[in-house]
Amino acid sequence: MVAALSAELARLRKTHRDELTALRTALERAHGENLDLRRQLQRFTAT
């Protein structure tokens, strides 16, 4: 019973770490896209 719960906890922790990594990557990508769009908008409104 304890071994099964420990294994489940380890699996859940790994899943959590993997999801967190994916979310951080998506957030970095979104920040980059946001920066690109702000720069494009700046160029568009400057002309």
PDB file of N, CA and C in Angstrom:
ATOM      1  N   MET A   1       0.822  -1.200   0.000  1.00  0.00           N
ATOM      2  CA  MET A   1       0.000   0.000   0.000  1.00  0.00           C
ATOM      3  C   MET A   1       0.864   1.261   0.000  1.00  0.00           C
ATOM      4  N   VAL A   2       1.861   1.297   0.899  1.00  0.00           N
ATOM      5  CA  VAL A   2       2.738   2.467   0.982  1.00  0.00           C
ATOM      6  C   VAL A   2       3.556   2.605  -0.295  1.00  0.00           C
ATOM      7  N   ALA A   3       4.026   1.497  -0.817  1.00  0.00           N
ATOM      8  CA  ALA A   3       4.815   1.527  -2.049  1.00  0.00           C
ATOM      9  C   ALA A   3       3.978   2.039  -3.216  1.00  0.00           C
ATOM     10  N   ALA A   4       2.727   1.609  -3.284  1.00  0.00           N
ATOM     11  CA  ALA A   4       1.850   2.049  -4.370  1.00  0.00           C
ATOM     12  C   ALA A   4       1.568   3.545  -4.256  1.00  0.00           C
ATOM     13  N   LEU A   5       1.332   4.021  -3.041  1.00  0.00           N
ATOM     14  CA  LEU A   5       1.091   5.446  -2.847  1.00  0.00           C
ATOM     15  C   LEU A   5       2.336   6.274  -3.153  1.00  0.00           C
ATOM     16  N   SER A   6       3.485   5.766  -2.778  1.00  0.00           N
ATOM     17  CA  SER A   6       4.742   6.460  -3.073  1.00  0.00           C
ATOM     18  C   SER A   6       4.984   6.541  -4.576  1.00  0.00           C
ATOM     19  N   ALA A   7       4.678   5.449  -5.270  1.00  0.00           N
ATOM     20  CA  ALA A   7       4.843   5.441  -6.725  1.00  0.00           C
ATOM     21  C   ALA A   7       3.876   6.419  -7.377  1.00  0.00           C
ATOM     22  N   GLU A   8       2.643   6.460  -6.884  1.00  0.00           N
ATOM     23  CA  GLU A   8       1.643   7.388  -7.426  1.00  0.00           C
ATOM     24  C   GLU A   8       2.066   8.832  -7.173  1.00  0.00           C
ATOM     25  N   LEU A   9       2.580   9.098  -5.987  1.00  0.00           N
ATOM     26  CA  LEU A   9       3.057  10.443  -5.664  1.00  0.00           C
ATOM     27  C   LEU A   9       4.215  10.841  -6.579  1.00  0.00           C
ATOM     28  N   ALA A  10       5.136   9.945  -6.814  1.00  0.00           N
ATOM     29  CA  ALA A  10       6.254  10.219  -7.709  1.00  0.00           C
ATOM     30  C   ALA A  10       5.752  10.501  -9.122  1.00  0.00           C
ATOM     31  N   ARG A  11       4.768   9.720  -9.575  1.00  0.00           N
ATOM     32  CA  ARG A  11       4.201   9.933 -10.907  1.00  0.00           C
ATOM     33  C   ARG A  11       3.516  11.298 -10.996  1.00  0.00           C
ATOM     34  N   LEU A  12       2.763  11.641  -9.977  1.00  0.00           N
ATOM     35  CA  LEU A  12       2.074  12.935  -9.971  1.00  0.00           C
ATOM     36  C   LEU A  12       3.063  14.097  -9.940  1.00  0.00           C
ATOM     37  N   ARG A  13       4.133  13.936  -9.186  1.00  0.00           N
ATOM     38  CA  ARG A  13       5.158  14.993  -9.139  1.00  0.00           C
ATOM     39  C   ARG A  13       5.804  15.185 -10.500  1.00  0.00           C
ATOM     40  N   LYS A  14       6.111  14.072 -11.181  1.00  0.00           N
ATOM     41  CA  LYS A  14       6.715  14.175 -12.512  1.00  0.00           C
ATOM     42  C   LYS A  14       5.747  14.837 -13.488  1.00  0.00           C
ATOM     43  N   THR A  15       4.481  14.436 -13.431  1.00  0.00           N
ATOM     44  CA  THR A  15       3.473  15.043 -14.295  1.00  0.00           C
ATOM     45  C   THR A  15       3.383  16.542 -14.030  1.00  0.00           C
ATOM     46  N   HIS A  16       3.394  16.912 -12.773  1.00  0.00           N
ATOM     47  CA  HIS A  16       3.334  18.326 -12.402  1.00  0.00           C
ATOM     48  C   HIS A  16       4.538  19.079 -12.947  1.00  0.00           C
ATOM     49  N   ARG A  17       5.724  18.520 -12.786  1.00  0.00           N
ATOM     50  CA  ARG A  17       6.946  19.170 -13.298  1.00  0.00           C
ATOM     51  C   ARG A  17       6.878  19.330 -14.813  1.00  0.00           C
ATOM     52  N   ASP A  18       6.420  18.283 -15.504  1.00  0.00           N
ATOM     53  CA  ASP A  18       6.315  18.330 -16.965  1.00  0.00           C
ATOM     54  C   ASP A  18       5.320  19.400 -17.412  1.00  0.00           C
ATOM     55  N   GLU A  19       4.174  19.461 -16.725  1.00  0.00           N
ATOM     56  CA  GLU A  19       3.169  20.469 -17.075  1.00  0.00           C
ATOM     57  C   GLU A  19       3.684  21.871 -16.793  1.00  0.00           C
ATOM     58  N   LEU A  20       4.388  22.046 -15.692  1.00  0.00           N
ATOM     59  CA  LEU A  20       4.945  23.346 -15.350  1.00  0.00           C
ATOM     60  C   LEU A  20       5.972  23.797 -16.391  1.00  0.00           C
ATOM     61  N   THR A  21       6.801  22.872 -16.831  1.00  0.00           N
ATOM     62  CA  THR A  21       7.777  23.188 -17.871  1.00  0.00           C
ATOM     63  C   THR A  21       7.079  23.607 -19.156  1.00  0.00           C
ATOM     64  N   ALA A  22       6.037  22.883 -19.537  1.00  0.00           N
ATOM     65  CA  ALA A  22       5.291  23.220 -20.753  1.00  0.00           C
ATOM     66  C   ALA A  22       4.630  24.595 -20.622  1.00  0.00           C
ATOM     67  N   LEU A  23       4.073  24.890 -19.458  1.00  0.00           N
ATOM     68  CA  LEU A  23       3.441  26.193 -19.254  1.00  0.00           C
ATOM     69  C   LEU A  23       4.459  27.322 -19.291  1.00  0.00           C
ATOM     70  N   ARG A  24       5.613  27.109 -18.693  1.00  0.00           N
ATOM     71  CA  ARG A  24       6.665  28.141 -18.727  1.00  0.00           C
ATOM     72  C   ARG A  24       7.133  28.393 -20.154  1.00  0.00           C
ATOM     73  N   THR A  25       7.273  27.323 -20.930  1.00  0.00           N
ATOM     74  CA  THR A  25       7.680  27.465 -22.329  1.00  0.00           C
ATOM     75  C   THR A  25       6.631  28.239 -23.113  1.00  0.00           C
ATOM     76  N   ALA A  26       5.362  27.906 -22.900  1.00  0.00           N
ATOM     77  CA  ALA A  26       4.277  28.613 -23.591  1.00  0.00           C
ATOM     78  C   ALA A  26       4.242  30.079 -23.178  1.00  0.00           C
ATOM     79  N   LEU A  27       4.494  30.368 -21.911  1.00  0.00           N
ATOM     80  CA  LEU A  27       4.497  31.751 -21.433  1.00  0.00           C
ATOM     81  C   LEU A  27       5.651  32.531 -22.058  1.00  0.00           C
ATOM     82  N   GLU A  28       6.821  31.930 -22.133  1.00  0.00           N
ATOM     83  CA  GLU A  28       7.959  32.587 -22.787  1.00  0.00           C
ATOM     84  C   GLU A  28       7.647  32.888 -24.248  1.00  0.00           C
ATOM     85  N   ARG A  29       7.023  31.927 -24.932  1.00  0.00           N
ATOM     86  CA  ARG A  29       6.655  32.109 -26.332  1.00  0.00           C
ATOM     87  C   ARG A  29       5.639  33.251 -26.470  1.00  0.00           C
ATOM     88  N   ALA A  30       4.666  33.290 -25.575  1.00  0.00           N
ATOM     89  CA  ALA A  30       3.651  34.342 -25.611  1.00  0.00           C
ATOM     90  C   ALA A  30       4.272  35.711 -25.344  1.00  0.00           C
ATOM     91  N   HIS A  31       5.209  35.769 -24.421  1.00  0.00           N
ATOM     92  CA  HIS A  31       5.892  37.033 -24.157  1.00  0.00           C
ATOM     93  C   HIS A  31       6.656  37.502 -25.399  1.00  0.00           C
ATOM     94  N   GLY A  32       7.302  36.568 -26.073  1.00  0.00           N
ATOM     95  CA  GLY A  32       8.026  36.916 -27.292  1.00  0.00           C
ATOM     96  C   GLY A  32       7.092  37.411 -28.383  1.00  0.00           C
ATOM     97  N   GLU A  33       5.957  36.734 -28.558  1.00  0.00           N
ATOM     98  CA  GLU A  33       4.982  37.160 -29.563  1.00  0.00           C
ATOM     99  C   GLU A  33       4.422  38.541 -29.209  1.00  0.00           C
ATOM    100  N   ASN A  34       4.175  38.750 -27.921  1.00  0.00           N
ATOM    101  CA  ASN A  34       3.666  40.039 -27.464  1.00  0.00           C
ATOM    102  C   ASN A  34       4.669  41.151 -27.777  1.00  0.00           C
ATOM    103  N   LEU A  35       5.936  40.895 -27.525  1.00  0.00           N
ATOM    104  CA  LEU A  35       6.978  41.878 -27.829  1.00  0.00           C
ATOM    105  C   LEU A  35       7.023  42.171 -29.319  1.00  0.00           C
ATOM    106  N   ASP A  36       6.967  41.129 -30.142  1.00  0.00           N
ATOM    107  CA  ASP A  36       6.970  41.325 -31.598  1.00  0.00           C
ATOM    108  C   ASP A  36       5.775  42.162 -32.043  1.00  0.00           C
ATOM    109  N   LEU A  37       4.602  41.844 -31.495  1.00  0.00           N
ATOM    110  CA  LEU A  37       3.403  42.593 -31.881  1.00  0.00           C
ATOM    111  C   LEU A  37       3.474  44.052 -31.439  1.00  0.00           C
ATOM    112  N   ARG A  38       4.017  44.294 -30.245  1.00  0.00           N
ATOM    113  CA  ARG A  38       4.158  45.684 -29.785  1.00  0.00           C
ATOM    114  C   ARG A  38       5.114  46.451 -30.685  1.00  0.00           C
ATOM    115  N   ARG A  39       6.189  45.793 -31.124  1.00  0.00           N
ATOM    116  CA  ARG A  39       7.143  46.450 -32.025  1.00  0.00           C
ATOM    117  C   ARG A  39       6.501  46.741 -33.381  1.00  0.00           C
ATOM    118  N   GLN A  40       5.714  45.786 -33.894  1.00  0.00           N
ATOM    119  CA  GLN A  40       5.017  46.002 -35.163  1.00  0.00           C
ATOM    120  C   GLN A  40       4.031  47.155 -35.040  1.00  0.00           C
ATOM    121  N   LEU A  41       3.304  47.201 -33.948  1.00  0.00           N
ATOM    122  CA  LEU A  41       2.347  48.269 -33.714  1.00  0.00           C
ATOM    123  C   LEU A  41       3.048  49.615 -33.637  1.00  0.00           C
ATOM    124  N   GLN A  42       4.198  49.636 -32.980  1.00  0.00           N
ATOM    125  CA  GLN A  42       4.963  50.873 -32.866  1.00  0.00           C
ATOM    126  C   GLN A  42       5.387  51.352 -34.252  1.00  0.00           C
ATOM    127  N   ARG A  43       5.867  50.441 -35.097  1.00  0.00           N
ATOM    128  CA  ARG A  43       6.271  50.817 -36.450  1.00  0.00           C
ATOM    129  C   ARG A  43       5.065  51.289 -37.255  1.00  0.00           C
ATOM    130  N   PHE A  44       3.934  50.624 -37.077  1.00  0.00           N
ATOM    131  CA  PHE A  44       2.721  50.971 -37.825  1.00  0.00           C
ATOM    132  C   PHE A  44       2.212  52.350 -37.438  1.00  0.00           C
ATOM    133  N   THR A  45       2.213  52.652 -36.155  1.00  0.00           N
ATOM    134  CA  THR A  45       1.680  53.934 -35.685  1.00  0.00           C
ATOM    135  C   THR A  45       2.686  55.069 -35.877  1.00  0.00           C
ATOM    136  N   ALA A  46       3.959  54.755 -36.074  1.00  0.00           N
ATOM    137  CA  ALA A  46       4.990  55.781 -36.238  1.00  0.00           C
ATOM    138  C   ALA A  46       4.968  56.345 -37.665  1.00  0.00           C
ATOM    139  N   THR A  47       4.390  55.636 -38.602  1.00  0.00           N
ATOM    140  CA  THR A  47       4.384  56.097 -39.997  1.00  0.00           C
ATOM    141  C   THR A  47       3.148  56.863 -40.344  1.00  0.00           C
TER     142      THR A  47
END
